[in-house]
Amino acid sequence: MPRYLLAIHQPDGPPPEDLGEVMRELEALNDEMKAAGAWVFAAGLQPPSASTVVKAAGGEVLATDGPYTEAKEFIGGFTVIEAADLDAALDWARKLAAVLAPLPIEVRPFAGA
């Protein structure tokens, strides 16, 4: 079955202080995905300031503090799902977007899927 990345984009800056209700709704949606056999993996990410960029150039491999690109939004978390097709993946993305409103969800199929 094809796999899809549901990437959660969030604005740069501190997250809202009280995420309790959102996290409960997100956990319920993850449970729904698991029960349907769609859920593969999900995780939240540290902010871009916590990243390290590794790049090969001129025969050397250099590591520098991130982020790789400066942006007003970044991927704050993601869910990997299995879905029969893009329409089914979009159905899950709609549910995720409803829980995380107003954050946009980017849906991308894995290569070869």
PDB file of N, CA and C in Angstrom:
ATOM      1  N   MET A   1       0.857  -1.170   0.000  1.00  0.00           N
ATOM      2  CA  MET A   1       0.000   0.000   0.000  1.00  0.00           C
ATOM      3  C   MET A   1       0.907   1.238   0.000  1.00  0.00           C
ATOM      4  N   PRO A   2       0.564   2.258  -0.770  1.00  0.00           N
ATOM      5  CA  PRO A   2       1.383   3.466  -0.826  1.00  0.00           C
ATOM      6  C   PRO A   2       1.465   4.184   0.517  1.00  0.00           C
ATOM      7  N   ARG A   3       2.603   4.811   0.753  1.00  0.00           N
ATOM      8  CA  ARG A   3       2.800   5.607   1.962  1.00  0.00           C
ATOM      9  C   ARG A   3       2.820   7.086   1.609  1.00  0.00           C
ATOM     10  N   TYR A   4       2.316   7.885   2.547  1.00  0.00           N
ATOM     11  CA  TYR A   4       2.239   9.331   2.372  1.00  0.00           C
ATOM     12  C   TYR A   4       2.762  10.021   3.618  1.00  0.00           C
ATOM     13  N   LEU A   5       3.425  11.146   3.392  1.00  0.00           N
ATOM     14  CA  LEU A   5       3.875  12.006   4.477  1.00  0.00           C
ATOM     15  C   LEU A   5       2.849  13.109   4.660  1.00  0.00           C
ATOM     16  N   LEU A   6       2.365  13.279   5.874  1.00  0.00           N
ATOM     17  CA  LEU A   6       1.496  14.398   6.222  1.00  0.00           C
ATOM     18  C   LEU A   6       2.364  15.342   7.051  1.00  0.00           C
ATOM     19  N   ALA A   7       2.911  16.377   6.414  1.00  0.00           N
ATOM     20  CA  ALA A   7       3.826  17.300   7.068  1.00  0.00           C
ATOM     21  C   ALA A   7       3.040  18.469   7.654  1.00  0.00           C
ATOM     22  N   ILE A   8       3.296  18.760   8.901  1.00  0.00           N
ATOM     23  CA  ILE A   8       2.605  19.832   9.614  1.00  0.00           C
ATOM     24  C   ILE A   8       3.478  21.082   9.577  1.00  0.00           C
ATOM     25  N   HIS A   9       2.999  22.115   8.904  1.00  0.00           N
ATOM     26  CA  HIS A   9       3.745  23.372   8.809  1.00  0.00           C
ATOM     27  C   HIS A   9       3.262  24.316   9.897  1.00  0.00           C
ATOM     28  N   GLN A  10       4.207  24.933  10.584  1.00  0.00           N
ATOM     29  CA  GLN A  10       3.826  25.876  11.634  1.00  0.00           C
ATOM     30  C   GLN A  10       4.662  27.140  11.514  1.00  0.00           C
ATOM     31  N   PRO A  11       4.146  28.252  12.004  1.00  0.00           N
ATOM     32  CA  PRO A  11       4.896  29.505  11.916  1.00  0.00           C
ATOM     33  C   PRO A  11       6.087  29.502  12.861  1.00  0.00           C
ATOM     34  N   ASP A  12       7.117  30.243  12.477  1.00  0.00           N
ATOM     35  CA  ASP A  12       8.279  30.398  13.337  1.00  0.00           C
ATOM     36  C   ASP A  12       7.856  31.155  14.595  1.00  0.00           C
ATOM     37  N   GLY A  13       8.419  30.796  15.703  1.00  0.00           N
ATOM     38  CA  GLY A  13       8.074  31.444  16.968  1.00  0.00           C
ATOM     39  C   GLY A  13       7.645  30.407  17.982  1.00  0.00           C
ATOM     40  N   PRO A  14       7.431  30.844  19.195  1.00  0.00           N
ATOM     41  CA  PRO A  14       7.068  29.889  20.244  1.00  0.00           C
ATOM     42  C   PRO A  14       5.674  29.302  20.006  1.00  0.00           C
ATOM     43  N   PRO A  15       5.488  28.033  20.352  1.00  0.00           N
ATOM     44  CA  PRO A  15       4.162  27.427  20.211  1.00  0.00           C
ATOM     45  C   PRO A  15       3.219  27.990  21.270  1.00  0.00           C
ATOM     46  N   PRO A  16       1.926  27.853  21.054  1.00  0.00           N
ATOM     47  CA  PRO A  16       0.971  28.281  22.098  1.00  0.00           C
ATOM     48  C   PRO A  16       1.273  27.563  23.409  1.00  0.00           C
ATOM     49  N   GLU A  17       0.977  28.225  24.507  1.00  0.00           N
ATOM     50  CA  GLU A  17       1.311  27.662  25.819  1.00  0.00           C
ATOM     51  C   GLU A  17       0.503  26.428  26.169  1.00  0.00           C
ATOM     52  N   ASP A  18      -0.790  26.439  25.907  1.00  0.00           N
ATOM     53  CA  ASP A  18      -1.642  25.322  26.303  1.00  0.00           C
ATOM     54  C   ASP A  18      -2.023  24.486  25.089  1.00  0.00           C
ATOM     55  N   LEU A  19      -1.350  23.365  24.936  1.00  0.00           N
ATOM     56  CA  LEU A  19      -1.629  22.469  23.825  1.00  0.00           C
ATOM     57  C   LEU A  19      -2.364  21.212  24.283  1.00  0.00           C
ATOM     58  N   GLY A  20      -2.814  21.195  25.532  1.00  0.00           N
ATOM     59  CA  GLY A  20      -3.430  20.001  26.102  1.00  0.00           C
ATOM     60  C   GLY A  20      -4.575  19.443  25.281  1.00  0.00           C
ATOM     61  N   GLU A  21      -5.555  20.281  24.949  1.00  0.00           N
ATOM     62  CA  GLU A  21      -6.724  19.807  24.194  1.00  0.00           C
ATOM     63  C   GLU A  21      -6.324  19.351  22.798  1.00  0.00           C
ATOM     64  N   VAL A  22      -5.444  20.107  22.147  1.00  0.00           N
ATOM     65  CA  VAL A  22      -4.983  19.732  20.802  1.00  0.00           C
ATOM     66  C   VAL A  22      -4.273  18.380  20.861  1.00  0.00           C
ATOM     67  N   MET A  23      -3.434  18.172  21.850  1.00  0.00           N
ATOM     68  CA  MET A  23      -2.707  16.910  21.959  1.00  0.00           C
ATOM     69  C   MET A  23      -3.652  15.735  22.217  1.00  0.00           C
ATOM     70  N   ARG A  24      -4.705  15.965  23.003  1.00  0.00           N
ATOM     71  CA  ARG A  24      -5.703  14.897  23.232  1.00  0.00           C
ATOM     72  C   ARG A  24      -6.421  14.553  21.929  1.00  0.00           C
ATOM     73  N   GLU A  25      -6.795  15.573  21.159  1.00  0.00           N
ATOM     74  CA  GLU A  25      -7.462  15.335  19.872  1.00  0.00           C
ATOM     75  C   GLU A  25      -6.517  14.648  18.892  1.00  0.00           C
ATOM     76  N   LEU A  26      -5.257  15.043  18.910  1.00  0.00           N
ATOM     77  CA  LEU A  26      -4.266  14.421  18.036  1.00  0.00           C
ATOM     78  C   LEU A  26      -4.058  12.960  18.402  1.00  0.00           C
ATOM     79  N   GLU A  27      -4.008  12.665  19.687  1.00  0.00           N
ATOM     80  CA  GLU A  27      -3.870  11.281  20.133  1.00  0.00           C
ATOM     81  C   GLU A  27      -5.090  10.450  19.702  1.00  0.00           C
ATOM     82  N   ALA A  28      -6.277  11.026  19.797  1.00  0.00           N
ATOM     83  CA  ALA A  28      -7.486  10.318  19.361  1.00  0.00           C
ATOM     84  C   ALA A  28      -7.447  10.046  17.860  1.00  0.00           C
ATOM     85  N   LEU A  29      -6.978  11.031  17.076  1.00  0.00           N
ATOM     86  CA  LEU A  29      -6.873  10.823  15.628  1.00  0.00           C
ATOM     87  C   LEU A  29      -5.826   9.760  15.321  1.00  0.00           C
ATOM     88  N   ASN A  30      -4.695   9.788  16.009  1.00  0.00           N
ATOM     89  CA  ASN A  30      -3.689   8.737  15.811  1.00  0.00           C
ATOM     90  C   ASN A  30      -4.269   7.363  16.126  1.00  0.00           C
ATOM     91  N   ASP A  31      -5.064   7.266  17.195  1.00  0.00           N
ATOM     92  CA  ASP A  31      -5.709   5.992  17.538  1.00  0.00           C
ATOM     93  C   ASP A  31      -6.668   5.556  16.430  1.00  0.00           C
ATOM     94  N   GLU A  32      -7.400   6.519  15.849  1.00  0.00           N
ATOM     95  CA  GLU A  32      -8.316   6.202  14.746  1.00  0.00           C
ATOM     96  C   GLU A  32      -7.535   5.685  13.530  1.00  0.00           C
ATOM     97  N   MET A  33      -6.405   6.333  13.235  1.00  0.00           N
ATOM     98  CA  MET A  33      -5.565   5.885  12.113  1.00  0.00           C
ATOM     99  C   MET A  33      -5.016   4.490  12.375  1.00  0.00           C
ATOM    100  N   LYS A  34      -4.596   4.241  13.614  1.00  0.00           N
ATOM    101  CA  LYS A  34      -4.067   2.915  13.965  1.00  0.00           C
ATOM    102  C   LYS A  34      -5.147   1.847  13.794  1.00  0.00           C
ATOM    103  N   ALA A  35      -6.352   2.139  14.273  1.00  0.00           N
ATOM    104  CA  ALA A  35      -7.448   1.175  14.166  1.00  0.00           C
ATOM    105  C   ALA A  35      -7.794   0.880  12.713  1.00  0.00           C
ATOM    106  N   ALA A  36      -7.616   1.868  11.843  1.00  0.00           N
ATOM    107  CA  ALA A  36      -7.920   1.695  10.416  1.00  0.00           C
ATOM    108  C   ALA A  36      -6.748   1.075   9.654  1.00  0.00           C
ATOM    109  N   GLY A  37      -5.615   0.877  10.329  1.00  0.00           N
ATOM    110  CA  GLY A  37      -4.445   0.300   9.664  1.00  0.00           C
ATOM    111  C   GLY A  37      -3.695   1.304   8.800  1.00  0.00           C
ATOM    112  N   ALA A  38      -3.945   2.595   8.978  1.00  0.00           N
ATOM    113  CA  ALA A  38      -3.299   3.624   8.158  1.00  0.00           C
ATOM    114  C   ALA A  38      -2.041   4.193   8.813  1.00  0.00           C
ATOM    115  N   TRP A  39      -1.998   4.253  10.136  1.00  0.00           N
ATOM    116  CA  TRP A  39      -0.914   4.915  10.855  1.00  0.00           C
ATOM    117  C   TRP A  39       0.361   4.094  10.780  1.00  0.00           C
ATOM    118  N   VAL A  40       1.473   4.732  10.434  1.00  0.00           N
ATOM    119  CA  VAL A  40       2.778   4.073  10.417  1.00  0.00           C
ATOM    120  C   VAL A  40       3.676   4.670  11.486  1.00  0.00           C
ATOM    121  N   PHE A  41       3.752   6.020  11.519  1.00  0.00           N
ATOM    122  CA  PHE A  41       4.682   6.682  12.423  1.00  0.00           C
ATOM    123  C   PHE A  41       4.320   8.153  12.493  1.00  0.00           C
ATOM    124  N   ALA A  42       4.523   8.766  13.649  1.00  0.00           N
ATOM    125  CA  ALA A  42       4.301  10.202  13.789  1.00  0.00           C
ATOM    126  C   ALA A  42       5.300  10.753  14.801  1.00  0.00           C
ATOM    127  N   ALA A  43       5.690  12.018  14.614  1.00  0.00           N
ATOM    128  CA  ALA A  43       6.627  12.643  15.545  1.00  0.00           C
ATOM    129  C   ALA A  43       6.562  14.150  15.428  1.00  0.00           C
ATOM    130  N   GLY A  44       6.854  14.806  16.519  1.00  0.00           N
ATOM    131  CA  GLY A  44       7.046  16.250  16.527  1.00  0.00           C
ATOM    132  C   GLY A  44       8.534  16.530  16.423  1.00  0.00           C
ATOM    133  N   LEU A  45       8.883  17.693  15.922  1.00  0.00           N
ATOM    134  CA  LEU A  45      10.282  18.065  15.752  1.00  0.00           C
ATOM    135  C   LEU A  45      10.631  19.283  16.600  1.00  0.00           C
ATOM    136  N   GLN A  46      11.872  19.365  17.015  1.00  0.00           N
ATOM    137  CA  GLN A  46      12.384  20.552  17.686  1.00  0.00           C
ATOM    138  C   GLN A  46      12.388  21.698  16.665  1.00  0.00           C
ATOM    139  N   PRO A  47      12.479  22.947  17.119  1.00  0.00           N
ATOM    140  CA  PRO A  47      12.490  24.069  16.173  1.00  0.00           C
ATOM    141  C   PRO A  47      13.738  24.052  15.295  1.00  0.00           C
ATOM    142  N   PRO A  48      13.695  24.751  14.162  1.00  0.00           N
ATOM    143  CA  PRO A  48      14.841  24.774  13.245  1.00  0.00           C
ATOM    144  C   PRO A  48      16.144  25.204  13.912  1.00  0.00           C
ATOM    145  N   SER A  49      16.075  26.018  14.936  1.00  0.00           N
ATOM    146  CA  SER A  49      17.291  26.467  15.614  1.00  0.00           C
ATOM    147  C   SER A  49      18.050  25.305  16.258  1.00  0.00           C
ATOM    148  N   ALA A  50      17.399  24.171  16.453  1.00  0.00           N
ATOM    149  CA  ALA A  50      18.043  23.000  17.042  1.00  0.00           C
ATOM    150  C   ALA A  50      18.718  22.119  15.998  1.00  0.00           C
ATOM    151  N   SER A  51      18.599  22.486  14.713  1.00  0.00           N
ATOM    152  CA  SER A  51      19.121  21.630  13.649  1.00  0.00           C
ATOM    153  C   SER A  51      20.599  21.873  13.381  1.00  0.00           C
ATOM    154  N   THR A  52      21.219  20.884  12.760  1.00  0.00           N
ATOM    155  CA  THR A  52      22.592  20.963  12.277  1.00  0.00           C
ATOM    156  C   THR A  52      22.570  20.582  10.810  1.00  0.00           C
ATOM    157  N   VAL A  53      23.281  21.340   9.996  1.00  0.00           N
ATOM    158  CA  VAL A  53      23.337  21.083   8.558  1.00  0.00           C
ATOM    159  C   VAL A  53      24.692  20.461   8.238  1.00  0.00           C
ATOM    160  N   VAL A  54      24.674  19.325   7.558  1.00  0.00           N
ATOM    161  CA  VAL A  54      25.892  18.638   7.147  1.00  0.00           C
ATOM    162  C   VAL A  54      25.951  18.696   5.628  1.00  0.00           C
ATOM    163  N   LYS A  55      27.078  19.197   5.101  1.00  0.00           N
ATOM    164  CA  LYS A  55      27.186  19.402   3.658  1.00  0.00           C
ATOM    165  C   LYS A  55      28.589  19.053   3.180  1.00  0.00           C
ATOM    166  N   ALA A  56      28.666  18.294   2.095  1.00  0.00           N
ATOM    167  CA  ALA A  56      29.948  17.964   1.474  1.00  0.00           C
ATOM    168  C   ALA A  56      30.266  19.026   0.427  1.00  0.00           C
ATOM    169  N   ALA A  57      31.491  19.563   0.505  1.00  0.00           N
ATOM    170  CA  ALA A  57      31.933  20.565  -0.464  1.00  0.00           C
ATOM    171  C   ALA A  57      33.455  20.555  -0.526  1.00  0.00           C
ATOM    172  N   GLY A  58      33.990  20.540  -1.737  1.00  0.00           N
ATOM    173  CA  GLY A  58      35.443  20.603  -1.907  1.00  0.00           C
ATOM    174  C   GLY A  58      36.196  19.480  -1.232  1.00  0.00           C
ATOM    175  N   GLY A  59      35.631  18.307  -1.216  1.00  0.00           N
ATOM    176  CA  GLY A  59      36.302  17.166  -0.603  1.00  0.00           C
ATOM    177  C   GLY A  59      36.197  17.104   0.905  1.00  0.00           C
ATOM    178  N   GLU A  60      35.507  18.058   1.516  1.00  0.00           N
ATOM    179  CA  GLU A  60      35.314  18.055   2.964  1.00  0.00           C
ATOM    180  C   GLU A  60      33.832  17.956   3.286  1.00  0.00           C
ATOM    181  N   VAL A  61      33.551  17.463   4.464  1.00  0.00           N
ATOM    182  CA  VAL A  61      32.187  17.434   4.953  1.00  0.00           C
ATOM    183  C   VAL A  61      32.125  18.357   6.163  1.00  0.00           C
ATOM    184  N   LEU A  62      31.300  19.393   6.036  1.00  0.00           N
ATOM    185  CA  LEU A  62      31.208  20.404   7.076  1.00  0.00           C
ATOM    186  C   LEU A  62      29.878  20.319   7.795  1.00  0.00           C
ATOM    187  N   ALA A  63      29.897  20.560   9.091  1.00  0.00           N
ATOM    188  CA  ALA A  63      28.675  20.617   9.894  1.00  0.00           C
ATOM    189  C   ALA A  63      28.554  22.031  10.444  1.00  0.00           C
ATOM    190  N   THR A  64      27.396  22.650  10.226  1.00  0.00           N
ATOM    191  CA  THR A  64      27.152  24.000  10.725  1.00  0.00           C
ATOM    192  C   THR A  64      25.812  24.041  11.429  1.00  0.00           C
ATOM    193  N   ASP A  65      25.651  25.032  12.291  1.00  0.00           N
ATOM    194  CA  ASP A  65      24.362  25.216  12.943  1.00  0.00           C
ATOM    195  C   ASP A  65      23.305  25.508  11.900  1.00  0.00           C
ATOM    196  N   GLY A  66      22.111  24.966  12.110  1.00  0.00           N
ATOM    197  CA  GLY A  66      21.010  25.196  11.192  1.00  0.00           C
ATOM    198  C   GLY A  66      20.233  26.421  11.585  1.00  0.00           C
ATOM    199  N   PRO A  67      19.177  26.685  10.927  1.00  0.00           N
ATOM    200  CA  PRO A  67      18.553  25.835   9.915  1.00  0.00           C
ATOM    201  C   PRO A  67      19.217  25.980   8.544  1.00  0.00           C
ATOM    202  N   TYR A  68      18.888  25.059   7.660  1.00  0.00           N
ATOM    203  CA  TYR A  68      19.430  25.090   6.299  1.00  0.00           C
ATOM    204  C   TYR A  68      18.938  26.327   5.565  1.00  0.00           C
ATOM    205  N   THR A  69      17.658  26.623   5.698  1.00  0.00           N
ATOM    206  CA  THR A  69      17.101  27.836   5.094  1.00  0.00           C
ATOM    207  C   THR A  69      16.315  28.597   6.152  1.00  0.00           C
ATOM    208  N   GLU A  70      16.347  29.896   6.060  1.00  0.00           N
ATOM    209  CA  GLU A  70      15.544  30.739   6.934  1.00  0.00           C
ATOM    210  C   GLU A  70      14.147  30.830   6.331  1.00  0.00           C
ATOM    211  N   ALA A  71      13.138  30.650   7.141  1.00  0.00           N
ATOM    212  CA  ALA A  71      11.766  30.688   6.640  1.00  0.00           C
ATOM    213  C   ALA A  71      10.829  31.152   7.745  1.00  0.00           C
ATOM    214  N   LYS A  72       9.675  31.630   7.340  1.00  0.00           N
ATOM    215  CA  LYS A  72       8.669  32.056   8.311  1.00  0.00           C
ATOM    216  C   LYS A  72       7.870  30.877   8.837  1.00  0.00           C
ATOM    217  N   GLU A  73       7.910  29.766   8.107  1.00  0.00           N
ATOM    218  CA  GLU A  73       7.248  28.531   8.528  1.00  0.00           C
ATOM    219  C   GLU A  73       8.235  27.388   8.427  1.00  0.00           C
ATOM    220  N   PHE A  74       8.001  26.341   9.201  1.00  0.00           N
ATOM    221  CA  PHE A  74       8.852  25.160   9.157  1.00  0.00           C
ATOM    222  C   PHE A  74       8.009  23.928   9.456  1.00  0.00           C
ATOM    223  N   ILE A  75       8.568  22.762   9.172  1.00  0.00           N
ATOM    224  CA  ILE A  75       7.876  21.519   9.494  1.00  0.00           C
ATOM    225  C   ILE A  75       8.062  21.260  10.983  1.00  0.00           C
ATOM    226  N   GLY A  76       6.951  21.306  11.700  1.00  0.00           N
ATOM    227  CA  GLY A  76       6.991  21.124  13.142  1.00  0.00           C
ATOM    228  C   GLY A  76       6.753  19.694  13.572  1.00  0.00           C
ATOM    229  N   GLY A  77       6.227  18.886  12.662  1.00  0.00           N
ATOM    230  CA  GLY A  77       5.952  17.484  12.958  1.00  0.00           C
ATOM    231  C   GLY A  77       5.419  16.816  11.710  1.00  0.00           C
ATOM    232  N   PHE A  78       5.200  15.524  11.814  1.00  0.00           N
ATOM    233  CA  PHE A  78       4.724  14.791  10.645  1.00  0.00           C
ATOM    234  C   PHE A  78       4.080  13.484  11.072  1.00  0.00           C
ATOM    235  N   THR A  79       3.296  12.952  10.167  1.00  0.00           N
ATOM    236  CA  THR A  79       2.716  11.625  10.315  1.00  0.00           C
ATOM    237  C   THR A  79       2.939  10.881   9.014  1.00  0.00           C
ATOM    238  N   VAL A  80       3.351   9.647   9.099  1.00  0.00           N
ATOM    239  CA  VAL A  80       3.482   8.789   7.922  1.00  0.00           C
ATOM    240  C   VAL A  80       2.315   7.820   7.961  1.00  0.00           C
ATOM    241  N   ILE A  81       1.591   7.746   6.850  1.00  0.00           N
ATOM    242  CA  ILE A  81       0.438   6.853   6.778  1.00  0.00           C
ATOM    243  C   ILE A  81       0.538   5.944   5.556  1.00  0.00           C
ATOM    244  N   GLU A  82      -0.237   4.884   5.576  1.00  0.00           N
ATOM    245  CA  GLU A  82      -0.466   4.052   4.409  1.00  0.00           C
ATOM    246  C   GLU A  82      -1.906   4.274   3.992  1.00  0.00           C
ATOM    247  N   ALA A  83      -2.106   4.523   2.704  1.00  0.00           N
ATOM    248  CA  ALA A  83      -3.456   4.765   2.197  1.00  0.00           C
ATOM    249  C   ALA A  83      -3.576   4.163   0.807  1.00  0.00           C
ATOM    250  N   ALA A  84      -4.768   3.766   0.448  1.00  0.00           N
ATOM    251  CA  ALA A  84      -4.996   3.124  -0.842  1.00  0.00           C
ATOM    252  C   ALA A  84      -4.620   4.027  -2.005  1.00  0.00           C
ATOM    253  N   ASP A  85      -4.847   5.329  -1.854  1.00  0.00           N
ATOM    254  CA  ASP A  85      -4.564   6.283  -2.924  1.00  0.00           C
ATOM    255  C   ASP A  85      -4.513   7.690  -2.350  1.00  0.00           C
ATOM    256  N   LEU A  86      -4.257   8.674  -3.208  1.00  0.00           N
ATOM    257  CA  LEU A  86      -4.149  10.053  -2.753  1.00  0.00           C
ATOM    258  C   LEU A  86      -5.443  10.538  -2.121  1.00  0.00           C
ATOM    259  N   ASP A  87      -6.577  10.159  -2.677  1.00  0.00           N
ATOM    260  CA  ASP A  87      -7.852  10.591  -2.099  1.00  0.00           C
ATOM    261  C   ASP A  87      -7.998  10.124  -0.650  1.00  0.00           C
ATOM    262  N   ALA A  88      -7.612   8.888  -0.374  1.00  0.00           N
ATOM    263  CA  ALA A  88      -7.688   8.368   1.000  1.00  0.00           C
ATOM    264  C   ALA A  88      -6.702   9.109   1.897  1.00  0.00           C
ATOM    265  N   ALA A  89      -5.505   9.404   1.387  1.00  0.00           N
ATOM    266  CA  ALA A  89      -4.524  10.159   2.166  1.00  0.00           C
ATOM    267  C   ALA A  89      -5.040  11.561   2.468  1.00  0.00           C
ATOM    268  N   LEU A  90      -5.705  12.174   1.494  1.00  0.00           N
ATOM    269  CA  LEU A  90      -6.271  13.511   1.695  1.00  0.00           C
ATOM    270  C   LEU A  90      -7.381  13.500   2.742  1.00  0.00           C
ATOM    271  N   ASP A  91      -8.131  12.410   2.811  1.00  0.00           N
ATOM    272  CA  ASP A  91      -9.164  12.295   3.849  1.00  0.00           C
ATOM    273  C   ASP A  91      -8.528  12.350   5.241  1.00  0.00           C
ATOM    274  N   TRP A  92      -7.409  11.619   5.428  1.00  0.00           N
ATOM    275  CA  TRP A  92      -6.716  11.658   6.716  1.00  0.00           C
ATOM    276  C   TRP A  92      -6.126  13.049   6.958  1.00  0.00           C
ATOM    277  N   ALA A  93      -5.588  13.665   5.921  1.00  0.00           N
ATOM    278  CA  ALA A  93      -5.010  15.008   6.064  1.00  0.00           C
ATOM    279  C   ALA A  93      -6.082  16.024   6.469  1.00  0.00           C
ATOM    280  N   ARG A  94      -7.280  15.884   5.937  1.00  0.00           N
ATOM    281  CA  ARG A  94      -8.378  16.783   6.321  1.00  0.00           C
ATOM    282  C   ARG A  94      -8.680  16.658   7.816  1.00  0.00           C
ATOM    283  N   LYS A  95      -8.681  15.427   8.309  1.00  0.00           N
ATOM    284  CA  LYS A  95      -8.937  15.213   9.741  1.00  0.00           C
ATOM    285  C   LYS A  95      -7.816  15.808  10.584  1.00  0.00           C
ATOM    286  N   LEU A  96      -6.580  15.643  10.128  1.00  0.00           N
ATOM    287  CA  LEU A  96      -5.444  16.203  10.841  1.00  0.00           C
ATOM    288  C   LEU A  96      -5.499  17.726  10.831  1.00  0.00           C
ATOM    289  N   ALA A  97      -5.841  18.306   9.693  1.00  0.00           N
ATOM    290  CA  ALA A  97      -5.951  19.766   9.586  1.00  0.00           C
ATOM    291  C   ALA A  97      -7.049  20.295  10.512  1.00  0.00           C
ATOM    292  N   ALA A  98      -8.128  19.565  10.647  1.00  0.00           N
ATOM    293  CA  ALA A  98      -9.214  19.992  11.533  1.00  0.00           C
ATOM    294  C   ALA A  98      -8.748  20.026  12.991  1.00  0.00           C
ATOM    295  N   VAL A  99      -7.924  19.056  13.381  1.00  0.00           N
ATOM    296  CA  VAL A  99      -7.398  19.015  14.748  1.00  0.00           C
ATOM    297  C   VAL A  99      -6.391  20.144  14.971  1.00  0.00           C
ATOM    298  N   LEU A 100      -5.573  20.430  13.972  1.00  0.00           N
ATOM    299  CA  LEU A 100      -4.468  21.371  14.131  1.00  0.00           C
ATOM    300  C   LEU A 100      -4.737  22.754  13.527  1.00  0.00           C
ATOM    301  N   ALA A 101      -5.984  23.050  13.214  1.00  0.00           N
ATOM    302  CA  ALA A 101      -6.320  24.340  12.602  1.00  0.00           C
ATOM    303  C   ALA A 101      -5.694  25.465  13.389  1.00  0.00           C
ATOM    304  N   PRO A 102      -5.124  26.432  12.731  1.00  0.00           N
ATOM    305  CA  PRO A 102      -5.113  26.720  11.295  1.00  0.00           C
ATOM    306  C   PRO A 102      -3.855  26.232  10.575  1.00  0.00           C
ATOM    307  N   LEU A 103      -3.090  25.307  11.166  1.00  0.00           N
ATOM    308  CA  LEU A 103      -1.843  24.877  10.549  1.00  0.00           C
ATOM    309  C   LEU A 103      -2.097  24.078   9.269  1.00  0.00           C
ATOM    310  N   PRO A 104      -1.388  24.392   8.185  1.00  0.00           N
ATOM    311  CA  PRO A 104      -1.553  23.637   6.942  1.00  0.00           C
ATOM    312  C   PRO A 104      -0.847  22.287   7.009  1.00  0.00           C
ATOM    313  N   ILE A 105      -1.411  21.323   6.304  1.00  0.00           N
ATOM    314  CA  ILE A 105      -0.853  19.977   6.220  1.00  0.00           C
ATOM    315  C   ILE A 105      -0.466  19.719   4.771  1.00  0.00           C
ATOM    316  N   GLU A 106       0.794  19.397   4.544  1.00  0.00           N
ATOM    317  CA  GLU A 106       1.268  19.074   3.193  1.00  0.00           C
ATOM    318  C   GLU A 106       1.255  17.560   3.031  1.00  0.00           C
ATOM    319  N   VAL A 107       0.638  17.072   1.963  1.00  0.00           N
ATOM    320  CA  VAL A 107       0.532  15.643   1.703  1.00  0.00           C
ATOM    321  C   VAL A 107       1.484  15.303   0.539  1.00  0.00           C
ATOM    322  N   ARG A 108       2.420  14.394   0.807  1.00  0.00           N
ATOM    323  CA  ARG A 108       3.369  14.005  -0.242  1.00  0.00           C
ATOM    324  C   ARG A 108       3.515  12.491  -0.260  1.00  0.00           C
ATOM    325  N   PRO A 109       3.375  11.902  -1.449  1.00  0.00           N
ATOM    326  CA  PRO A 109       3.599  10.456  -1.543  1.00  0.00           C
ATOM    327  C   PRO A 109       5.094  10.152  -1.461  1.00  0.00           C
ATOM    328  N   PHE A 110       5.412   9.009  -0.908  1.00  0.00           N
ATOM    329  CA  PHE A 110       6.793   8.545  -0.905  1.00  0.00           C
ATOM    330  C   PHE A 110       7.172   8.164  -2.341  1.00  0.00           C
ATOM    331  N   ALA A 111       8.414   8.329  -2.683  1.00  0.00           N
ATOM    332  CA  ALA A 111       8.893   7.953  -4.013  1.00  0.00           C
ATOM    333  C   ALA A 111       8.644   6.469  -4.236  1.00  0.00           C
ATOM    334  N   GLY A 112       8.172   6.141  -5.421  1.00  0.00           N
ATOM    335  CA  GLY A 112       7.885   4.756  -5.754  1.00  0.00           C
ATOM    336  C   GLY A 112       6.551   4.269  -5.223  1.00  0.00           C
ATOM    337  N   ALA A 113       5.811   5.150  -4.567  1.00  0.00           N
ATOM    338  CA  ALA A 113       4.515   4.746  -3.985  1.00  0.00           C
ATOM    339  C   ALA A 113       3.416   4.869  -4.999  1.00  0.00           C
TER     340      ALA A 113
END
